[in-house]
Amino acid sequence: VLTTNSIDIFSISFDKTSLEDSKTQKTVTFASTIQDIKEAQELDLIHNGIAQSLTNKLQDAEKQLDNNHQDIAKKLIDDTIKHVEESQNNDKLISEEAYDIIHEDLIVLVEALN
């Protein structure tokens, strides 16, 4: 959540007999990840070129998934994760806050394909 007017969707699982089994998880989609990138870009937390590149890769991955090419979609998301990780140590490319949010989104997306 980068701005106060963001809308995020969470799933909540509550076990009244065991608090340890209760959990909250943000629902991550291609659209929500692209929105997080766009918000980071609007707040100057990510370089415009990096933001556009990540967005393009995610759109390509989503198209591949829509065409039942799950392996190609997974590879594209893995490449996107590597791109974010390579940019992590340069604050001019991506801030720590934006990195944390976008990286987590991408991990959730790729894990959903496993």
PDB file of N, CA and C in Angstrom:
ATOM      1  N   VAL A   1       0.867  -1.163   0.000  1.00  0.00           N
ATOM      2  CA  VAL A   1       0.000   0.000   0.000  1.00  0.00           C
ATOM      3  C   VAL A   1       0.911   1.222   0.000  1.00  0.00           C
ATOM      4  N   LEU A   2       0.956   1.915  -1.110  1.00  0.00           N
ATOM      5  CA  LEU A   2       1.854   3.053  -1.237  1.00  0.00           C
ATOM      6  C   LEU A   2       1.168   4.379  -0.956  1.00  0.00           C
ATOM      7  N   THR A   3      -0.112   4.477  -1.232  1.00  0.00           N
ATOM      8  CA  THR A   3      -0.833   5.718  -0.996  1.00  0.00           C
ATOM      9  C   THR A   3      -2.068   5.435  -0.154  1.00  0.00           C
ATOM     10  N   THR A   4      -2.606   6.478   0.434  1.00  0.00           N
ATOM     11  CA  THR A   4      -3.765   6.291   1.305  1.00  0.00           C
ATOM     12  C   THR A   4      -5.041   6.008   0.533  1.00  0.00           C
ATOM     13  N   ASN A   5      -5.081   6.317  -0.750  1.00  0.00           N
ATOM     14  CA  ASN A   5      -6.294   6.059  -1.523  1.00  0.00           C
ATOM     15  C   ASN A   5      -6.198   4.766  -2.330  1.00  0.00           C
ATOM     16  N   SER A   6      -5.269   3.880  -1.963  1.00  0.00           N
ATOM     17  CA  SER A   6      -5.154   2.579  -2.607  1.00  0.00           C
ATOM     18  C   SER A   6      -6.222   1.642  -2.061  1.00  0.00           C
ATOM     19  N   ILE A   7      -6.648   0.736  -2.899  1.00  0.00           N
ATOM     20  CA  ILE A   7      -7.564  -0.298  -2.457  1.00  0.00           C
ATOM     21  C   ILE A   7      -6.850  -1.632  -2.634  1.00  0.00           C
ATOM     22  N   ASP A   8      -6.668  -2.337  -1.542  1.00  0.00           N
ATOM     23  CA  ASP A   8      -6.069  -3.661  -1.577  1.00  0.00           C
ATOM     24  C   ASP A   8      -7.092  -4.656  -1.061  1.00  0.00           C
ATOM     25  N   ILE A   9      -7.017  -5.865  -1.555  1.00  0.00           N
ATOM     26  CA  ILE A   9      -7.929  -6.908  -1.137  1.00  0.00           C
ATOM     27  C   ILE A   9      -7.135  -7.926  -0.318  1.00  0.00           C
ATOM     28  N   PHE A  10      -7.670  -8.265   0.829  1.00  0.00           N
ATOM     29  CA  PHE A  10      -7.029  -9.230   1.707  1.00  0.00           C
ATOM     30  C   PHE A  10      -7.979 -10.387   1.960  1.00  0.00           C
ATOM     31  N   SER A  11      -7.411 -11.571   2.102  1.00  0.00           N
ATOM     32  CA  SER A  11      -8.212 -12.696   2.559  1.00  0.00           C
ATOM     33  C   SER A  11      -7.840 -12.935   4.014  1.00  0.00           C
ATOM     34  N   ILE A  12      -8.845 -13.166   4.827  1.00  0.00           N
ATOM     35  CA  ILE A  12      -8.632 -13.370   6.248  1.00  0.00           C
ATOM     36  C   ILE A  12      -9.156 -14.754   6.599  1.00  0.00           C
ATOM     37  N   SER A  13      -8.304 -15.510   7.225  1.00  0.00           N
ATOM     38  CA  SER A  13      -8.668 -16.840   7.681  1.00  0.00           C
ATOM     39  C   SER A  13      -8.548 -16.841   9.202  1.00  0.00           C
ATOM     40  N   PHE A  14      -9.669 -17.033   9.892  1.00  0.00           N
ATOM     41  CA  PHE A  14      -9.676 -16.952  11.344  1.00  0.00           C
ATOM     42  C   PHE A  14     -10.108 -18.278  11.938  1.00  0.00           C
ATOM     43  N   ASP A  15      -9.277 -18.798  12.799  1.00  0.00           N
ATOM     44  CA  ASP A  15      -9.573 -20.031  13.511  1.00  0.00           C
ATOM     45  C   ASP A  15      -9.800 -19.678  14.969  1.00  0.00           C
ATOM     46  N   LYS A  16     -11.043 -19.746  15.429  1.00  0.00           N
ATOM     47  CA  LYS A  16     -11.364 -19.317  16.794  1.00  0.00           C
ATOM     48  C   LYS A  16     -10.771 -20.233  17.858  1.00  0.00           C
ATOM     49  N   THR A  17     -10.332 -21.430  17.475  1.00  0.00           N
ATOM     50  CA  THR A  17      -9.722 -22.334  18.451  1.00  0.00           C
ATOM     51  C   THR A  17      -8.210 -22.179  18.527  1.00  0.00           C
ATOM     52  N   SER A  18      -7.618 -21.588  17.500  1.00  0.00           N
ATOM     53  CA  SER A  18      -6.169 -21.440  17.497  1.00  0.00           C
ATOM     54  C   SER A  18      -5.777 -20.164  16.758  1.00  0.00           C
ATOM     55  N   LEU A  19      -5.327 -19.193  17.510  1.00  0.00           N
ATOM     56  CA  LEU A  19      -4.912 -17.927  16.909  1.00  0.00           C
ATOM     57  C   LEU A  19      -3.732 -18.130  15.954  1.00  0.00           C
ATOM     58  N   GLU A  20      -2.883 -19.110  16.230  1.00  0.00           N
ATOM     59  CA  GLU A  20      -1.720 -19.379  15.377  1.00  0.00           C
ATOM     60  C   GLU A  20      -2.127 -19.829  13.974  1.00  0.00           C
ATOM     61  N   ASP A  21      -3.313 -20.432  13.863  1.00  0.00           N
ATOM     62  CA  ASP A  21      -3.784 -20.893  12.559  1.00  0.00           C
ATOM     63  C   ASP A  21      -4.534 -19.811  11.784  1.00  0.00           C
ATOM     64  N   SER A  22      -4.711 -18.642  12.402  1.00  0.00           N
ATOM     65  CA  SER A  22      -5.367 -17.524  11.725  1.00  0.00           C
ATOM     66  C   SER A  22      -4.333 -16.754  10.918  1.00  0.00           C
ATOM     67  N   LYS A  23      -4.760 -16.206   9.780  1.00  0.00           N
ATOM     68  CA  LYS A  23      -3.807 -15.457   8.962  1.00  0.00           C
ATOM     69  C   LYS A  23      -4.524 -14.451   8.075  1.00  0.00           C
ATOM     70  N   THR A  24      -3.759 -13.474   7.653  1.00  0.00           N
ATOM     71  CA  THR A  24      -4.224 -12.473   6.706  1.00  0.00           C
ATOM     72  C   THR A  24      -3.253 -12.481   5.538  1.00  0.00           C
ATOM     73  N   GLN A  25      -3.782 -12.432   4.342  1.00  0.00           N
ATOM     74  CA  GLN A  25      -2.921 -12.429   3.167  1.00  0.00           C
ATOM     75  C   GLN A  25      -3.481 -11.484   2.118  1.00  0.00           C
ATOM     76  N   LYS A  26      -2.595 -10.655   1.564  1.00  0.00           N
ATOM     77  CA  LYS A  26      -2.986  -9.750   0.496  1.00  0.00           C
ATOM     78  C   LYS A  26      -3.229 -10.569  -0.768  1.00  0.00           C
ATOM     79  N   THR A  27      -4.325 -10.287  -1.453  1.00  0.00           N
ATOM     80  CA  THR A  27      -4.612 -10.939  -2.721  1.00  0.00           C
ATOM     81  C   THR A  27      -3.839 -10.199  -3.812  1.00  0.00           C
ATOM     82  N   VAL A  28      -2.986 -10.941  -4.511  1.00  0.00           N
ATOM     83  CA  VAL A  28      -2.125 -10.346  -5.533  1.00  0.00           C
ATOM     84  C   VAL A  28      -2.533 -10.868  -6.903  1.00  0.00           C
ATOM     85  N   THR A  29      -2.692  -9.939  -7.842  1.00  0.00           N
ATOM     86  CA  THR A  29      -3.004 -10.281  -9.228  1.00  0.00           C
ATOM     87  C   THR A  29      -2.036  -9.526 -10.135  1.00  0.00           C
ATOM     88  N   PHE A  30      -2.082  -9.835 -11.414  1.00  0.00           N
ATOM     89  CA  PHE A  30      -1.276  -9.057 -12.353  1.00  0.00           C
ATOM     90  C   PHE A  30      -1.680  -7.589 -12.281  1.00  0.00           C
ATOM     91  N   ALA A  31      -2.983  -7.338 -12.265  1.00  0.00           N
ATOM     92  CA  ALA A  31      -3.482  -5.952 -12.236  1.00  0.00           C
ATOM     93  C   ALA A  31      -3.061  -5.223 -10.959  1.00  0.00           C
ATOM     94  N   SER A  32      -3.122  -5.896  -9.814  1.00  0.00           N
ATOM     95  CA  SER A  32      -2.752  -5.225  -8.563  1.00  0.00           C
ATOM     96  C   SER A  32      -1.246  -4.948  -8.518  1.00  0.00           C
ATOM     97  N   THR A  33      -0.458  -5.848  -9.083  1.00  0.00           N
ATOM     98  CA  THR A  33       0.993  -5.636  -9.118  1.00  0.00           C
ATOM     99  C   THR A  33       1.340  -4.471 -10.039  1.00  0.00           C
ATOM    100  N   ILE A  34       0.701  -4.419 -11.194  1.00  0.00           N
ATOM    101  CA  ILE A  34       0.920  -3.299 -12.125  1.00  0.00           C
ATOM    102  C   ILE A  34       0.472  -1.996 -11.473  1.00  0.00           C
ATOM    103  N   GLN A  35      -0.611  -2.030 -10.716  1.00  0.00           N
ATOM    104  CA  GLN A  35      -1.074  -0.835 -10.010  1.00  0.00           C
ATOM    105  C   GLN A  35      -0.054  -0.396  -8.956  1.00  0.00           C
ATOM    106  N   ASP A  36       0.536  -1.341  -8.241  1.00  0.00           N
ATOM    107  CA  ASP A  36       1.575  -0.998  -7.259  1.00  0.00           C
ATOM    108  C   ASP A  36       2.780  -0.354  -7.952  1.00  0.00           C
ATOM    109  N   ILE A  37       3.145  -0.868  -9.122  1.00  0.00           N
ATOM    110  CA  ILE A  37       4.259  -0.276  -9.885  1.00  0.00           C
ATOM    111  C   ILE A  37       3.900   1.142 -10.305  1.00  0.00           C
ATOM    112  N   LYS A  38       2.681   1.321 -10.808  1.00  0.00           N
ATOM    113  CA  LYS A  38       2.230   2.640 -11.249  1.00  0.00           C
ATOM    114  C   LYS A  38       2.225   3.646 -10.085  1.00  0.00           C
ATOM    115  N   GLU A  39       1.752   3.215  -8.927  1.00  0.00           N
ATOM    116  CA  GLU A  39       1.740   4.104  -7.760  1.00  0.00           C
ATOM    117  C   GLU A  39       3.153   4.476  -7.332  1.00  0.00           C
ATOM    118  N   ALA A  40       4.054   3.510  -7.348  1.00  0.00           N
ATOM    119  CA  ALA A  40       5.451   3.790  -7.008  1.00  0.00           C
ATOM    120  C   ALA A  40       6.051   4.787  -7.999  1.00  0.00           C
ATOM    121  N   GLN A  41       5.701   4.635  -9.255  1.00  0.00           N
ATOM    122  CA  GLN A  41       6.178   5.544 -10.296  1.00  0.00           C
ATOM    123  C   GLN A  41       5.646   6.958 -10.063  1.00  0.00           C
ATOM    124  N   GLU A  42       4.351   7.076  -9.741  1.00  0.00           N
ATOM    125  CA  GLU A  42       3.746   8.384  -9.490  1.00  0.00           C
ATOM    126  C   GLU A  42       4.357   9.075  -8.276  1.00  0.00           C
ATOM    127  N   LEU A  43       4.833   8.282  -7.322  1.00  0.00           N
ATOM    128  CA  LEU A  43       5.454   8.825  -6.112  1.00  0.00           C
ATOM    129  C   LEU A  43       6.966   8.969  -6.248  1.00  0.00           C
ATOM    130  N   ASP A  44       7.490   8.766  -7.457  1.00  0.00           N
ATOM    131  CA  ASP A  44       8.934   8.827  -7.737  1.00  0.00           C
ATOM    132  C   ASP A  44       9.735   7.860  -6.872  1.00  0.00           C
ATOM    133  N   LEU A  45       9.169   6.674  -6.627  1.00  0.00           N
ATOM    134  CA  LEU A  45       9.852   5.656  -5.844  1.00  0.00           C
ATOM    135  C   LEU A  45      10.500   4.595  -6.735  1.00  0.00           C
ATOM    136  N   ILE A  46      10.256   4.713  -8.032  1.00  0.00           N
ATOM    137  CA  ILE A  46      10.847   3.793  -9.002  1.00  0.00           C
ATOM    138  C   ILE A  46      11.119   4.574 -10.278  1.00  0.00           C
ATOM    139  N   HIS A  47      12.229   4.301 -10.904  1.00  0.00           N
ATOM    140  CA  HIS A  47      12.622   4.957 -12.162  1.00  0.00           C
ATOM    141  C   HIS A  47      11.593   4.617 -13.244  1.00  0.00           C
ATOM    142  N   ASN A  48      11.245   5.588 -14.049  1.00  0.00           N
ATOM    143  CA  ASN A  48      10.227   5.392 -15.092  1.00  0.00           C
ATOM    144  C   ASN A  48      10.564   4.242 -16.040  1.00  0.00           C
ATOM    145  N   GLY A  49      11.819   4.124 -16.436  1.00  0.00           N
ATOM    146  CA  GLY A  49      12.223   3.053 -17.344  1.00  0.00           C
ATOM    147  C   GLY A  49      12.065   1.679 -16.724  1.00  0.00           C
ATOM    148  N   ILE A  50      12.422   1.552 -15.463  1.00  0.00           N
ATOM    149  CA  ILE A  50      12.263   0.280 -14.754  1.00  0.00           C
ATOM    150  C   ILE A  50      10.781  -0.051 -14.628  1.00  0.00           C
ATOM    151  N   ALA A  51       9.982   0.948 -14.247  1.00  0.00           N
ATOM    152  CA  ALA A  51       8.537   0.737 -14.091  1.00  0.00           C
ATOM    153  C   ALA A  51       7.914   0.253 -15.397  1.00  0.00           C
ATOM    154  N   GLN A  52       8.274   0.881 -16.505  1.00  0.00           N
ATOM    155  CA  GLN A  52       7.713   0.497 -17.800  1.00  0.00           C
ATOM    156  C   GLN A  52       8.153  -0.911 -18.197  1.00  0.00           C
ATOM    157  N   SER A  53       9.421  -1.218 -17.952  1.00  0.00           N
ATOM    158  CA  SER A  53       9.931  -2.544 -18.273  1.00  0.00           C
ATOM    159  C   SER A  53       9.216  -3.626 -17.461  1.00  0.00           C
ATOM    160  N   LEU A  54       9.042  -3.399 -16.163  1.00  0.00           N
ATOM    161  CA  LEU A  54       8.358  -4.367 -15.309  1.00  0.00           C
ATOM    162  C   LEU A  54       6.907  -4.548 -15.753  1.00  0.00           C
ATOM    163  N   THR A  55       6.254  -3.432 -16.047  1.00  0.00           N
ATOM    164  CA  THR A  55       4.858  -3.479 -16.492  1.00  0.00           C
ATOM    165  C   THR A  55       4.739  -4.278 -17.785  1.00  0.00           C
ATOM    166  N   ASN A  56       5.616  -4.018 -18.744  1.00  0.00           N
ATOM    167  CA  ASN A  56       5.591  -4.752 -20.018  1.00  0.00           C
ATOM    168  C   ASN A  56       5.785  -6.250 -19.808  1.00  0.00           C
ATOM    169  N   LYS A  57       6.744  -6.621 -18.942  1.00  0.00           N
ATOM    170  CA  LYS A  57       7.000  -8.042 -18.688  1.00  0.00           C
ATOM    171  C   LYS A  57       5.785  -8.704 -18.042  1.00  0.00           C
ATOM    172  N   LEU A  58       5.147  -8.000 -17.111  1.00  0.00           N
ATOM    173  CA  LEU A  58       3.964  -8.566 -16.463  1.00  0.00           C
ATOM    174  C   LEU A  58       2.797  -8.707 -17.437  1.00  0.00           C
ATOM    175  N   GLN A  59       2.612  -7.729 -18.298  1.00  0.00           N
ATOM    176  CA  GLN A  59       1.550  -7.829 -19.305  1.00  0.00           C
ATOM    177  C   GLN A  59       1.819  -8.993 -20.247  1.00  0.00           C
ATOM    178  N   ASP A  60       3.092  -9.178 -20.631  1.00  0.00           N
ATOM    179  CA  ASP A  60       3.451 -10.316 -21.493  1.00  0.00           C
ATOM    180  C   ASP A  60       3.197 -11.639 -20.771  1.00  0.00           C
ATOM    181  N   ALA A  61       3.547 -11.701 -19.490  1.00  0.00           N
ATOM    182  CA  ALA A  61       3.339 -12.927 -18.714  1.00  0.00           C
ATOM    183  C   ALA A  61       1.851 -13.254 -18.610  1.00  0.00           C
ATOM    184  N   GLU A  62       1.050 -12.240 -18.376  1.00  0.00           N
ATOM    185  CA  GLU A  62      -0.393 -12.460 -18.272  1.00  0.00           C
ATOM    186  C   GLU A  62      -0.970 -12.971 -19.596  1.00  0.00           C
ATOM    187  N   LYS A  63      -0.487 -12.420 -20.711  1.00  0.00           N
ATOM    188  CA  LYS A  63      -0.946 -12.887 -22.023  1.00  0.00           C
ATOM    189  C   LYS A  63      -0.558 -14.349 -22.241  1.00  0.00           C
ATOM    190  N   GLN A  64       0.659 -14.700 -21.846  1.00  0.00           N
ATOM    191  CA  GLN A  64       1.110 -16.085 -21.993  1.00  0.00           C
ATOM    192  C   GLN A  64       0.252 -17.028 -21.149  1.00  0.00           C
ATOM    193  N   LEU A  65      -0.081 -16.587 -19.945  1.00  0.00           N
ATOM    194  CA  LEU A  65      -0.928 -17.401 -19.080  1.00  0.00           C
ATOM    195  C   LEU A  65      -2.325 -17.552 -19.672  1.00  0.00           C
ATOM    196  N   ASP A  66      -2.848 -16.472 -20.236  1.00  0.00           N
ATOM    197  CA  ASP A  66      -4.160 -16.523 -20.894  1.00  0.00           C
ATOM    198  C   ASP A  66      -4.173 -17.494 -22.068  1.00  0.00           C
ATOM    199  N   ASN A  67      -3.008 -17.670 -22.689  1.00  0.00           N
ATOM    200  CA  ASN A  67      -2.876 -18.588 -23.832  1.00  0.00           C
ATOM    201  C   ASN A  67      -2.410 -19.984 -23.397  1.00  0.00           C
ATOM    202  N   ASN A  68      -2.553 -20.266 -22.103  1.00  0.00           N
ATOM    203  CA  ASN A  68      -2.192 -21.578 -21.533  1.00  0.00           C
ATOM    204  C   ASN A  68      -0.711 -21.913 -21.654  1.00  0.00           C
ATOM    205  N   HIS A  69       0.132 -20.916 -21.642  1.00  0.00           N
ATOM    206  CA  HIS A  69       1.587 -21.112 -21.660  1.00  0.00           C
ATOM    207  C   HIS A  69       2.141 -20.775 -20.284  1.00  0.00           C
ATOM    208  N   GLN A  70       1.795 -21.610 -19.296  1.00  0.00           N
ATOM    209  CA  GLN A  70       2.164 -21.347 -17.915  1.00  0.00           C
ATOM    210  C   GLN A  70       3.681 -21.306 -17.721  1.00  0.00           C
ATOM    211  N   ASP A  71       4.422 -22.180 -18.371  1.00  0.00           N
ATOM    212  CA  ASP A  71       5.881 -22.205 -18.215  1.00  0.00           C
ATOM    213  C   ASP A  71       6.514 -20.903 -18.698  1.00  0.00           C
ATOM    214  N   ILE A  72       6.018 -20.390 -19.818  1.00  0.00           N
ATOM    215  CA  ILE A  72       6.549 -19.123 -20.348  1.00  0.00           C
ATOM    216  C   ILE A  72       6.180 -17.974 -19.410  1.00  0.00           C
ATOM    217  N   ALA A  73       4.947 -17.972 -18.903  1.00  0.00           N
ATOM    218  CA  ALA A  73       4.513 -16.925 -17.966  1.00  0.00           C
ATOM    219  C   ALA A  73       5.384 -16.942 -16.719  1.00  0.00           C
ATOM    220  N   LYS A  74       5.655 -18.137 -16.189  1.00  0.00           N
ATOM    221  CA  LYS A  74       6.493 -18.265 -14.994  1.00  0.00           C
ATOM    222  C   LYS A  74       7.896 -17.746 -15.261  1.00  0.00           C
ATOM    223  N   LYS A  75       8.459 -18.071 -16.421  1.00  0.00           N
ATOM    224  CA  LYS A  75       9.804 -17.590 -16.762  1.00  0.00           C
ATOM    225  C   LYS A  75       9.818 -16.063 -16.851  1.00  0.00           C
ATOM    226  N   LEU A  76       8.796 -15.480 -17.441  1.00  0.00           N
ATOM    227  CA  LEU A  76       8.724 -14.020 -17.541  1.00  0.00           C
ATOM    228  C   LEU A  76       8.630 -13.373 -16.157  1.00  0.00           C
ATOM    229  N   ILE A  77       7.861 -13.974 -15.257  1.00  0.00           N
ATOM    230  CA  ILE A  77       7.773 -13.419 -13.899  1.00  0.00           C
ATOM    231  C   ILE A  77       9.101 -13.595 -13.174  1.00  0.00           C
ATOM    232  N   ASP A  78       9.750 -14.764 -13.348  1.00  0.00           N
ATOM    233  CA  ASP A  78      11.082 -14.972 -12.757  1.00  0.00           C
ATOM    234  C   ASP A  78      12.068 -13.912 -13.260  1.00  0.00           C
ATOM    235  N   ASP A  79      12.029 -13.615 -14.555  1.00  0.00           N
ATOM    236  CA  ASP A  79      12.892 -12.575 -15.131  1.00  0.00           C
ATOM    237  C   ASP A  79      12.579 -11.208 -14.527  1.00  0.00           C
ATOM    238  N   THR A  80      11.307 -10.959 -14.276  1.00  0.00           N
ATOM    239  CA  THR A  80      10.885  -9.694 -13.677  1.00  0.00           C
ATOM    240  C   THR A  80      11.412  -9.594 -12.250  1.00  0.00           C
ATOM    241  N   ILE A  81      11.360 -10.695 -11.512  1.00  0.00           N
ATOM    242  CA  ILE A  81      11.903 -10.720 -10.151  1.00  0.00           C
ATOM    243  C   ILE A  81      13.398 -10.407 -10.183  1.00  0.00           C
ATOM    244  N   LYS A  82      14.126 -11.030 -11.095  1.00  0.00           N
ATOM    245  CA  LYS A  82      15.568 -10.774 -11.210  1.00  0.00           C
ATOM    246  C   LYS A  82      15.842  -9.312 -11.528  1.00  0.00           C
ATOM    247  N   HIS A  83      15.029  -8.725 -12.402  1.00  0.00           N
ATOM    248  CA  HIS A  83      15.177  -7.318 -12.774  1.00  0.00           C
ATOM    249  C   HIS A  83      15.011  -6.423 -11.544  1.00  0.00           C
ATOM    250  N   VAL A  84      13.999  -6.716 -10.729  1.00  0.00           N
ATOM    251  CA  VAL A  84      13.761  -5.932  -9.507  1.00  0.00           C
ATOM    252  C   VAL A  84      14.929  -6.118  -8.539  1.00  0.00           C
ATOM    253  N   GLU A  85      15.376  -7.345  -8.381  1.00  0.00           N
ATOM    254  CA  GLU A  85      16.474  -7.623  -7.453  1.00  0.00           C
ATOM    255  C   GLU A  85      17.768  -6.937  -7.892  1.00  0.00           C
ATOM    256  N   GLU A  86      18.032  -6.904  -9.191  1.00  0.00           N
ATOM    257  CA  GLU A  86      19.233  -6.234  -9.706  1.00  0.00           C
ATOM    258  C   GLU A  86      19.173  -4.728  -9.492  1.00  0.00           C
ATOM    259  N   SER A  87      17.981  -4.169  -9.400  1.00  0.00           N
ATOM    260  CA  SER A  87      17.801  -2.727  -9.219  1.00  0.00           C
ATOM    261  C   SER A  87      17.793  -2.326  -7.747  1.00  0.00           C
ATOM    262  N   GLN A  88      17.712  -3.291  -6.859  1.00  0.00           N
ATOM    263  CA  GLN A  88      17.496  -3.045  -5.435  1.00  0.00           C
ATOM    264  C   GLN A  88      18.539  -2.141  -4.791  1.00  0.00           C
ATOM    265  N   ASN A  89      19.776  -2.280  -5.138  1.00  0.00           N
ATOM    266  CA  ASN A  89      20.843  -1.544  -4.458  1.00  0.00           C
ATOM    267  C   ASN A  89      21.066  -0.136  -4.988  1.00  0.00           C
ATOM    268  N   ASN A  90      20.216   0.315  -5.881  1.00  0.00           N
ATOM    269  CA  ASN A  90      20.350   1.655  -6.439  1.00  0.00           C
ATOM    270  C   ASN A  90      19.068   2.433  -6.163  1.00  0.00           C
ATOM    271  N   ASP A  91      19.123   3.337  -5.157  1.00  0.00           N
ATOM    272  CA  ASP A  91      17.934   4.115  -4.776  1.00  0.00           C
ATOM    273  C   ASP A  91      17.400   4.977  -5.905  1.00  0.00           C
ATOM    274  N   LYS A  92      18.229   5.266  -6.911  1.00  0.00           N
ATOM    275  CA  LYS A  92      17.749   6.051  -8.054  1.00  0.00           C
ATOM    276  C   LYS A  92      16.848   5.213  -8.949  1.00  0.00           C
ATOM    277  N   LEU A  93      16.978   3.885  -8.860  1.00  0.00           N
ATOM    278  CA  LEU A  93      16.162   2.993  -9.677  1.00  0.00           C
ATOM    279  C   LEU A  93      14.895   2.554  -8.952  1.00  0.00           C
ATOM    280  N   ILE A  94      15.014   2.208  -7.664  1.00  0.00           N
ATOM    281  CA  ILE A  94      13.846   1.769  -6.890  1.00  0.00           C
ATOM    282  C   ILE A  94      14.117   1.993  -5.407  1.00  0.00           C
ATOM    283  N   SER A  95      13.143   2.573  -4.723  1.00  0.00           N
ATOM    284  CA  SER A  95      13.293   2.800  -3.289  1.00  0.00           C
ATOM    285  C   SER A  95      13.108   1.482  -2.538  1.00  0.00           C
ATOM    286  N   GLU A  96      13.550   1.460  -1.311  1.00  0.00           N
ATOM    287  CA  GLU A  96      13.418   0.258  -0.494  1.00  0.00           C
ATOM    288  C   GLU A  96      11.945  -0.106  -0.291  1.00  0.00           C
ATOM    289  N   GLU A  97      11.110   0.903  -0.047  1.00  0.00           N
ATOM    290  CA  GLU A  97       9.673   0.664   0.163  1.00  0.00           C
ATOM    291  C   GLU A  97       9.030   0.055  -1.090  1.00  0.00           C
ATOM    292  N   ALA A  98       9.307   0.646  -2.248  1.00  0.00           N
ATOM    293  CA  ALA A  98       8.736   0.126  -3.497  1.00  0.00           C
ATOM    294  C   ALA A  98       9.269  -1.272  -3.786  1.00  0.00           C
ATOM    295  N   TYR A  99      10.555  -1.490  -3.539  1.00  0.00           N
ATOM    296  CA  TYR A  99      11.155  -2.813  -3.747  1.00  0.00           C
ATOM    297  C   TYR A  99      10.413  -3.863  -2.926  1.00  0.00           C
ATOM    298  N   ASP A 100      10.210  -3.573  -1.642  1.00  0.00           N
ATOM    299  CA  ASP A 100       9.576  -4.547  -0.751  1.00  0.00           C
ATOM    300  C   ASP A 100       8.190  -4.937  -1.255  1.00  0.00           C
ATOM    301  N   ILE A 101       7.409  -3.957  -1.649  1.00  0.00           N
ATOM    302  CA  ILE A 101       6.036  -4.224  -2.083  1.00  0.00           C
ATOM    303  C   ILE A 101       6.008  -4.962  -3.419  1.00  0.00           C
ATOM    304  N   ILE A 102       6.749  -4.454  -4.392  1.00  0.00           N
ATOM    305  CA  ILE A 102       6.734  -5.050  -5.740  1.00  0.00           C
ATOM    306  C   ILE A 102       7.353  -6.443  -5.717  1.00  0.00           C
ATOM    307  N   HIS A 103       8.450  -6.601  -5.006  1.00  0.00           N
ATOM    308  CA  HIS A 103       9.112  -7.905  -4.927  1.00  0.00           C
ATOM    309  C   HIS A 103       8.175  -8.938  -4.304  1.00  0.00           C
ATOM    310  N   GLU A 104       7.508  -8.577  -3.217  1.00  0.00           N
ATOM    311  CA  GLU A 104       6.570  -9.504  -2.575  1.00  0.00           C
ATOM    312  C   GLU A 104       5.425  -9.863  -3.522  1.00  0.00           C
ATOM    313  N   ASP A 105       4.893  -8.870  -4.232  1.00  0.00           N
ATOM    314  CA  ASP A 105       3.836  -9.137  -5.221  1.00  0.00           C
ATOM    315  C   ASP A 105       4.296 -10.171  -6.243  1.00  0.00           C
ATOM    316  N   LEU A 106       5.493  -9.992  -6.759  1.00  0.00           N
ATOM    317  CA  LEU A 106       6.011 -10.887  -7.791  1.00  0.00           C
ATOM    318  C   LEU A 106       6.233 -12.308  -7.250  1.00  0.00           C
ATOM    319  N   ILE A 107       6.718 -12.405  -6.024  1.00  0.00           N
ATOM    320  CA  ILE A 107       6.912 -13.720  -5.412  1.00  0.00           C
ATOM    321  C   ILE A 107       5.570 -14.438  -5.279  1.00  0.00           C
ATOM    322  N   VAL A 108       4.547 -13.735  -4.824  1.00  0.00           N
ATOM    323  CA  VAL A 108       3.223 -14.343  -4.688  1.00  0.00           C
ATOM    324  C   VAL A 108       2.700 -14.785  -6.052  1.00  0.00           C
ATOM    325  N   LEU A 109       2.887 -13.954  -7.087  1.00  0.00           N
ATOM    326  CA  LEU A 109       2.433 -14.323  -8.429  1.00  0.00           C
ATOM    327  C   LEU A 109       3.121 -15.596  -8.930  1.00  0.00           C
ATOM    328  N   VAL A 110       4.425 -15.661  -8.784  1.00  0.00           N
ATOM    329  CA  VAL A 110       5.153 -16.812  -9.314  1.00  0.00           C
ATOM    330  C   VAL A 110       4.834 -18.079  -8.500  1.00  0.00           C
ATOM    331  N   GLU A 111       4.634 -17.921  -7.193  1.00  0.00           N
ATOM    332  CA  GLU A 111       4.277 -19.081  -6.373  1.00  0.00           C
ATOM    333  C   GLU A 111       2.898 -19.617  -6.747  1.00  0.00           C
ATOM    334  N   ALA A 112       2.013 -18.758  -7.181  1.00  0.00           N
ATOM    335  CA  ALA A 112       0.679 -19.188  -7.591  1.00  0.00           C
ATOM    336  C   ALA A 112       0.734 -20.056  -8.856  1.00  0.00           C
ATOM    337  N   LEU A 113       1.820 -19.940  -9.613  1.00  0.00           N
ATOM    338  CA  LEU A 113       1.961 -20.732 -10.842  1.00  0.00           C
ATOM    339  C   LEU A 113       2.627 -22.093 -10.595  1.00  0.00           C
ATOM    340  N   ASN A 114       3.107 -22.307  -9.393  1.00  0.00           N
ATOM    341  CA  ASN A 114       3.776 -23.580  -9.076  1.00  0.00           C
ATOM    342  C   ASN A 114       2.772 -24.657  -8.737  1.00  0.00           C
TER     343      ASN A 114
END
